[in-house]
Structures are given as structure tokens and as C-alpha cells.
Amino acid sequence: MAHQDYIKIYTGEFITVQRISDILENEGITPVIKDRTGSGLTPLFGASNPSVQEIHVHKEELDNAVKIVESFLSELQND
């Protein structure tokens, strides 16, 4: 798995990332979730939000994945 073959498509809170990940998997897309807290030893004070994660997808799945994420986020805003 070459790192350059994966592209970040979303950064957000844990719960939203998990929901998007589920939707992508149901569509046959395999997302890679990156937790930006590193080793987990980052102090809570002065650190970035520890619940923020990133979703990356393989470049061959990018177009379809972006459409799915945009649709989900649009529905989320309309609720």
C-alpha cells in the first residue's frame, strides 16, 4: 500500500468520521482512518482536538467517495 496512492477526503469529529466510513464501506469503498493524535501521548492542554480524524481513500475510488461524502454532509446540514 503506497502512501501516495491515498488521498484525504475528510477531516472531522470521530462520530462523523465513523458514519462516513460505514457509508463508504457499504458502497464498496475501503476508507483508511487516520487519528491525528499520533501515539496517544499528546498532552490534552494546548493540543489539537484529540477526537479529530481523517478519512483517506485510494485514488482510484476518489471520485465516487467524494460524491458520497458530499451527499452525506449535505443531508447532515439539512437536518
N, C-alpha and C. Protein backbone atom coordinates (compact mmCIF):
# COMPACT_ATOMS: atom_id res chain seq x y z
N MET A 1 0.85 -1.18 0.00
CA MET A 1 0.00 0.00 0.00
C MET A 1 0.89 1.24 0.00
N ALA A 2 0.97 1.92 -1.10
CA ALA A 2 1.78 3.12 -1.22
C ALA A 2 1.02 4.32 -0.69
N HIS A 3 1.67 5.06 0.19
CA HIS A 3 1.04 6.21 0.84
C HIS A 3 0.52 7.22 -0.18
N GLN A 4 1.27 7.46 -1.24
CA GLN A 4 0.88 8.46 -2.23
C GLN A 4 -0.36 8.04 -3.03
N ASP A 5 -0.76 6.79 -2.91
CA ASP A 5 -1.96 6.33 -3.61
C ASP A 5 -3.24 6.65 -2.85
N TYR A 6 -3.12 7.20 -1.65
CA TYR A 6 -4.28 7.52 -0.81
C TYR A 6 -4.40 9.03 -0.64
N ILE A 7 -5.62 9.51 -0.73
CA ILE A 7 -5.89 10.95 -0.70
C ILE A 7 -6.89 11.24 0.40
N LYS A 8 -6.60 12.29 1.17
CA LYS A 8 -7.50 12.70 2.25
C LYS A 8 -8.75 13.33 1.65
N ILE A 9 -9.91 12.87 2.10
CA ILE A 9 -11.16 13.43 1.59
C ILE A 9 -12.00 14.09 2.67
N TYR A 10 -11.66 13.85 3.93
CA TYR A 10 -12.47 14.44 5.00
C TYR A 10 -11.67 14.47 6.29
N THR A 11 -11.86 15.52 7.06
CA THR A 11 -11.31 15.65 8.40
C THR A 11 -12.45 16.10 9.30
N GLY A 12 -12.65 15.38 10.41
CA GLY A 12 -13.73 15.77 11.30
C GLY A 12 -13.77 14.98 12.58
N GLU A 13 -14.84 15.18 13.31
CA GLU A 13 -15.06 14.53 14.60
C GLU A 13 -15.22 13.02 14.43
N PHE A 14 -14.82 12.30 15.45
CA PHE A 14 -14.85 10.84 15.46
C PHE A 14 -16.20 10.28 14.99
N ILE A 15 -17.30 10.76 15.54
CA ILE A 15 -18.61 10.18 15.24
C ILE A 15 -18.98 10.37 13.77
N THR A 16 -18.67 11.53 13.21
CA THR A 16 -18.97 11.78 11.80
C THR A 16 -18.07 10.94 10.90
N VAL A 17 -16.81 10.83 11.27
CA VAL A 17 -15.87 10.01 10.50
C VAL A 17 -16.33 8.56 10.49
N GLN A 18 -16.78 8.06 11.63
CA GLN A 18 -17.24 6.67 11.69
C GLN A 18 -18.47 6.46 10.82
N ARG A 19 -19.38 7.41 10.82
CA ARG A 19 -20.60 7.29 9.99
C ARG A 19 -20.24 7.31 8.50
N ILE A 20 -19.37 8.24 8.11
CA ILE A 20 -18.95 8.31 6.71
C ILE A 20 -18.22 7.03 6.31
N SER A 21 -17.38 6.53 7.20
CA SER A 21 -16.65 5.29 6.93
C SER A 21 -17.61 4.14 6.68
N ASP A 22 -18.66 4.04 7.49
CA ASP A 22 -19.66 2.99 7.30
C ASP A 22 -20.35 3.11 5.94
N ILE A 23 -20.70 4.33 5.57
CA ILE A 23 -21.38 4.56 4.29
C ILE A 23 -20.46 4.18 3.13
N LEU A 24 -19.19 4.59 3.21
CA LEU A 24 -18.24 4.25 2.16
C LEU A 24 -18.07 2.74 2.03
N GLU A 25 -17.93 2.07 3.16
CA GLU A 25 -17.78 0.61 3.13
C GLU A 25 -19.00 -0.07 2.53
N ASN A 26 -20.20 0.44 2.82
CA ASN A 26 -21.42 -0.12 2.24
C ASN A 26 -21.47 0.06 0.73
N GLU A 27 -20.72 1.04 0.23
CA GLU A 27 -20.65 1.30 -1.22
C GLU A 27 -19.45 0.61 -1.86
N GLY A 28 -18.75 -0.21 -1.10
CA GLY A 28 -17.62 -0.96 -1.64
C GLY A 28 -16.30 -0.20 -1.65
N ILE A 29 -16.24 0.91 -0.94
CA ILE A 29 -15.02 1.70 -0.86
C ILE A 29 -14.37 1.43 0.50
N THR A 30 -13.07 1.20 0.49
CA THR A 30 -12.36 0.92 1.73
C THR A 30 -11.64 2.17 2.21
N PRO A 31 -12.20 2.85 3.22
CA PRO A 31 -11.54 4.05 3.74
C PRO A 31 -10.42 3.70 4.71
N VAL A 32 -9.44 4.58 4.79
CA VAL A 32 -8.37 4.47 5.77
C VAL A 32 -8.56 5.64 6.73
N ILE A 33 -8.71 5.33 8.02
CA ILE A 33 -8.93 6.35 9.04
C ILE A 33 -7.61 6.64 9.72
N LYS A 34 -7.26 7.92 9.79
CA LYS A 34 -6.04 8.34 10.48
C LYS A 34 -6.42 9.18 11.68
N ASP A 35 -5.92 8.78 12.82
CA ASP A 35 -6.12 9.52 14.06
C ASP A 35 -4.96 10.48 14.19
N ARG A 36 -5.22 11.75 14.26
CA ARG A 36 -4.16 12.75 14.25
C ARG A 36 -3.51 12.95 15.62
N THR A 37 -3.85 12.14 16.61
CA THR A 37 -3.24 12.32 17.93
C THR A 37 -1.89 11.64 18.01
N GLY A 38 -1.45 10.97 16.99
CA GLY A 38 -0.14 10.32 16.99
C GLY A 38 -0.10 9.14 17.92
N SER A 39 0.81 9.13 18.83
CA SER A 39 1.00 7.97 19.71
C SER A 39 0.02 7.92 20.85
N GLY A 40 -0.81 8.94 20.99
CA GLY A 40 -1.73 8.98 22.12
C GLY A 40 -1.09 9.59 23.34
N LEU A 41 0.15 10.05 23.23
CA LEU A 41 0.85 10.65 24.35
C LEU A 41 0.78 12.18 24.33
N THR A 42 0.06 12.74 23.38
CA THR A 42 -0.07 14.18 23.27
C THR A 42 -0.80 14.72 24.48
N PRO A 43 -0.26 15.72 25.15
CA PRO A 43 -0.97 16.28 26.31
C PRO A 43 -2.27 16.92 25.87
N LEU A 44 -3.26 16.88 26.72
CA LEU A 44 -4.57 17.43 26.37
C LEU A 44 -4.55 18.95 26.32
N PHE A 45 -3.76 19.59 27.16
CA PHE A 45 -3.71 21.06 27.16
C PHE A 45 -2.84 21.54 26.01
N GLY A 46 -3.36 22.50 25.28
CA GLY A 46 -2.59 23.07 24.19
C GLY A 46 -2.50 22.19 22.95
N ALA A 47 -3.14 21.06 22.95
CA ALA A 47 -3.07 20.15 21.81
C ALA A 47 -4.27 20.36 20.91
N SER A 48 -4.16 19.88 19.70
CA SER A 48 -5.31 19.91 18.81
C SER A 48 -6.36 18.95 19.34
N ASN A 49 -7.55 19.07 18.85
CA ASN A 49 -8.67 18.25 19.31
C ASN A 49 -8.36 16.77 19.11
N PRO A 50 -8.29 16.00 20.19
CA PRO A 50 -7.91 14.59 20.06
C PRO A 50 -8.97 13.72 19.39
N SER A 51 -10.17 14.25 19.21
CA SER A 51 -11.21 13.43 18.59
C SER A 51 -11.29 13.64 17.08
N VAL A 52 -10.40 14.44 16.52
CA VAL A 52 -10.41 14.71 15.08
C VAL A 52 -9.66 13.60 14.35
N GLN A 53 -10.30 13.11 13.30
CA GLN A 53 -9.71 12.06 12.48
C GLN A 53 -9.82 12.44 11.01
N GLU A 54 -9.06 11.74 10.18
CA GLU A 54 -9.08 11.96 8.73
C GLU A 54 -9.52 10.68 8.03
N ILE A 55 -10.21 10.86 6.92
CA ILE A 55 -10.57 9.74 6.05
C ILE A 55 -9.76 9.88 4.77
N HIS A 56 -9.07 8.81 4.41
CA HIS A 56 -8.31 8.74 3.16
C HIS A 56 -8.88 7.60 2.33
N VAL A 57 -8.88 7.77 1.01
CA VAL A 57 -9.32 6.70 0.12
C VAL A 57 -8.29 6.54 -0.99
N HIS A 58 -8.29 5.38 -1.60
CA HIS A 58 -7.39 5.12 -2.72
C HIS A 58 -7.79 6.03 -3.88
N LYS A 59 -6.80 6.52 -4.60
CA LYS A 59 -7.06 7.48 -5.68
C LYS A 59 -8.00 6.94 -6.74
N GLU A 60 -8.06 5.63 -6.92
CA GLU A 60 -8.99 5.05 -7.89
C GLU A 60 -10.45 5.13 -7.43
N GLU A 61 -10.65 5.32 -6.13
CA GLU A 61 -12.01 5.42 -5.58
C GLU A 61 -12.39 6.85 -5.24
N LEU A 62 -11.51 7.79 -5.54
CA LEU A 62 -11.67 9.18 -5.11
C LEU A 62 -12.96 9.83 -5.58
N ASP A 63 -13.23 9.79 -6.86
CA ASP A 63 -14.41 10.49 -7.39
C ASP A 63 -15.70 10.01 -6.75
N ASN A 64 -15.87 8.71 -6.67
CA ASN A 64 -17.09 8.16 -6.08
C ASN A 64 -17.16 8.48 -4.59
N ALA A 65 -16.04 8.38 -3.88
CA ALA A 65 -16.01 8.65 -2.45
C ALA A 65 -16.35 10.11 -2.15
N VAL A 66 -15.82 11.03 -2.92
CA VAL A 66 -16.10 12.45 -2.71
C VAL A 66 -17.59 12.73 -2.90
N LYS A 67 -18.21 12.16 -3.91
CA LYS A 67 -19.64 12.35 -4.13
C LYS A 67 -20.45 11.84 -2.94
N ILE A 68 -20.06 10.69 -2.41
CA ILE A 68 -20.76 10.10 -1.28
C ILE A 68 -20.63 10.99 -0.05
N VAL A 69 -19.42 11.46 0.22
CA VAL A 69 -19.19 12.33 1.39
C VAL A 69 -19.95 13.65 1.23
N GLU A 70 -19.90 14.25 0.07
CA GLU A 70 -20.62 15.50 -0.16
C GLU A 70 -22.12 15.32 0.03
N SER A 71 -22.66 14.22 -0.45
CA SER A 71 -24.09 13.94 -0.28
C SER A 71 -24.44 13.78 1.19
N PHE A 72 -23.63 13.02 1.91
CA PHE A 72 -23.87 12.82 3.34
C PHE A 72 -23.81 14.14 4.11
N LEU A 73 -22.80 14.94 3.84
CA LEU A 73 -22.66 16.22 4.54
C LEU A 73 -23.80 17.18 4.20
N SER A 74 -24.26 17.14 2.97
CA SER A 74 -25.40 17.97 2.57
C SER A 74 -26.66 17.57 3.34
N GLU A 75 -26.90 16.27 3.45
CA GLU A 75 -28.03 15.77 4.20
C GLU A 75 -27.91 16.13 5.68
N LEU A 76 -26.71 16.06 6.20
CA LEU A 76 -26.46 16.39 7.60
C LEU A 76 -26.78 17.85 7.88
N GLN A 77 -26.43 18.74 6.97
CA GLN A 77 -26.71 20.17 7.15
C GLN A 77 -28.19 20.49 7.02
N ASN A 78 -28.91 19.70 6.26
CA ASN A 78 -30.34 19.95 6.06
C ASN A 78 -31.20 19.43 7.20
N ASP A 79 -30.61 18.61 8.06
CA ASP A 79 -31.38 18.08 9.20
C ASP A 79 -31.51 19.08 10.31
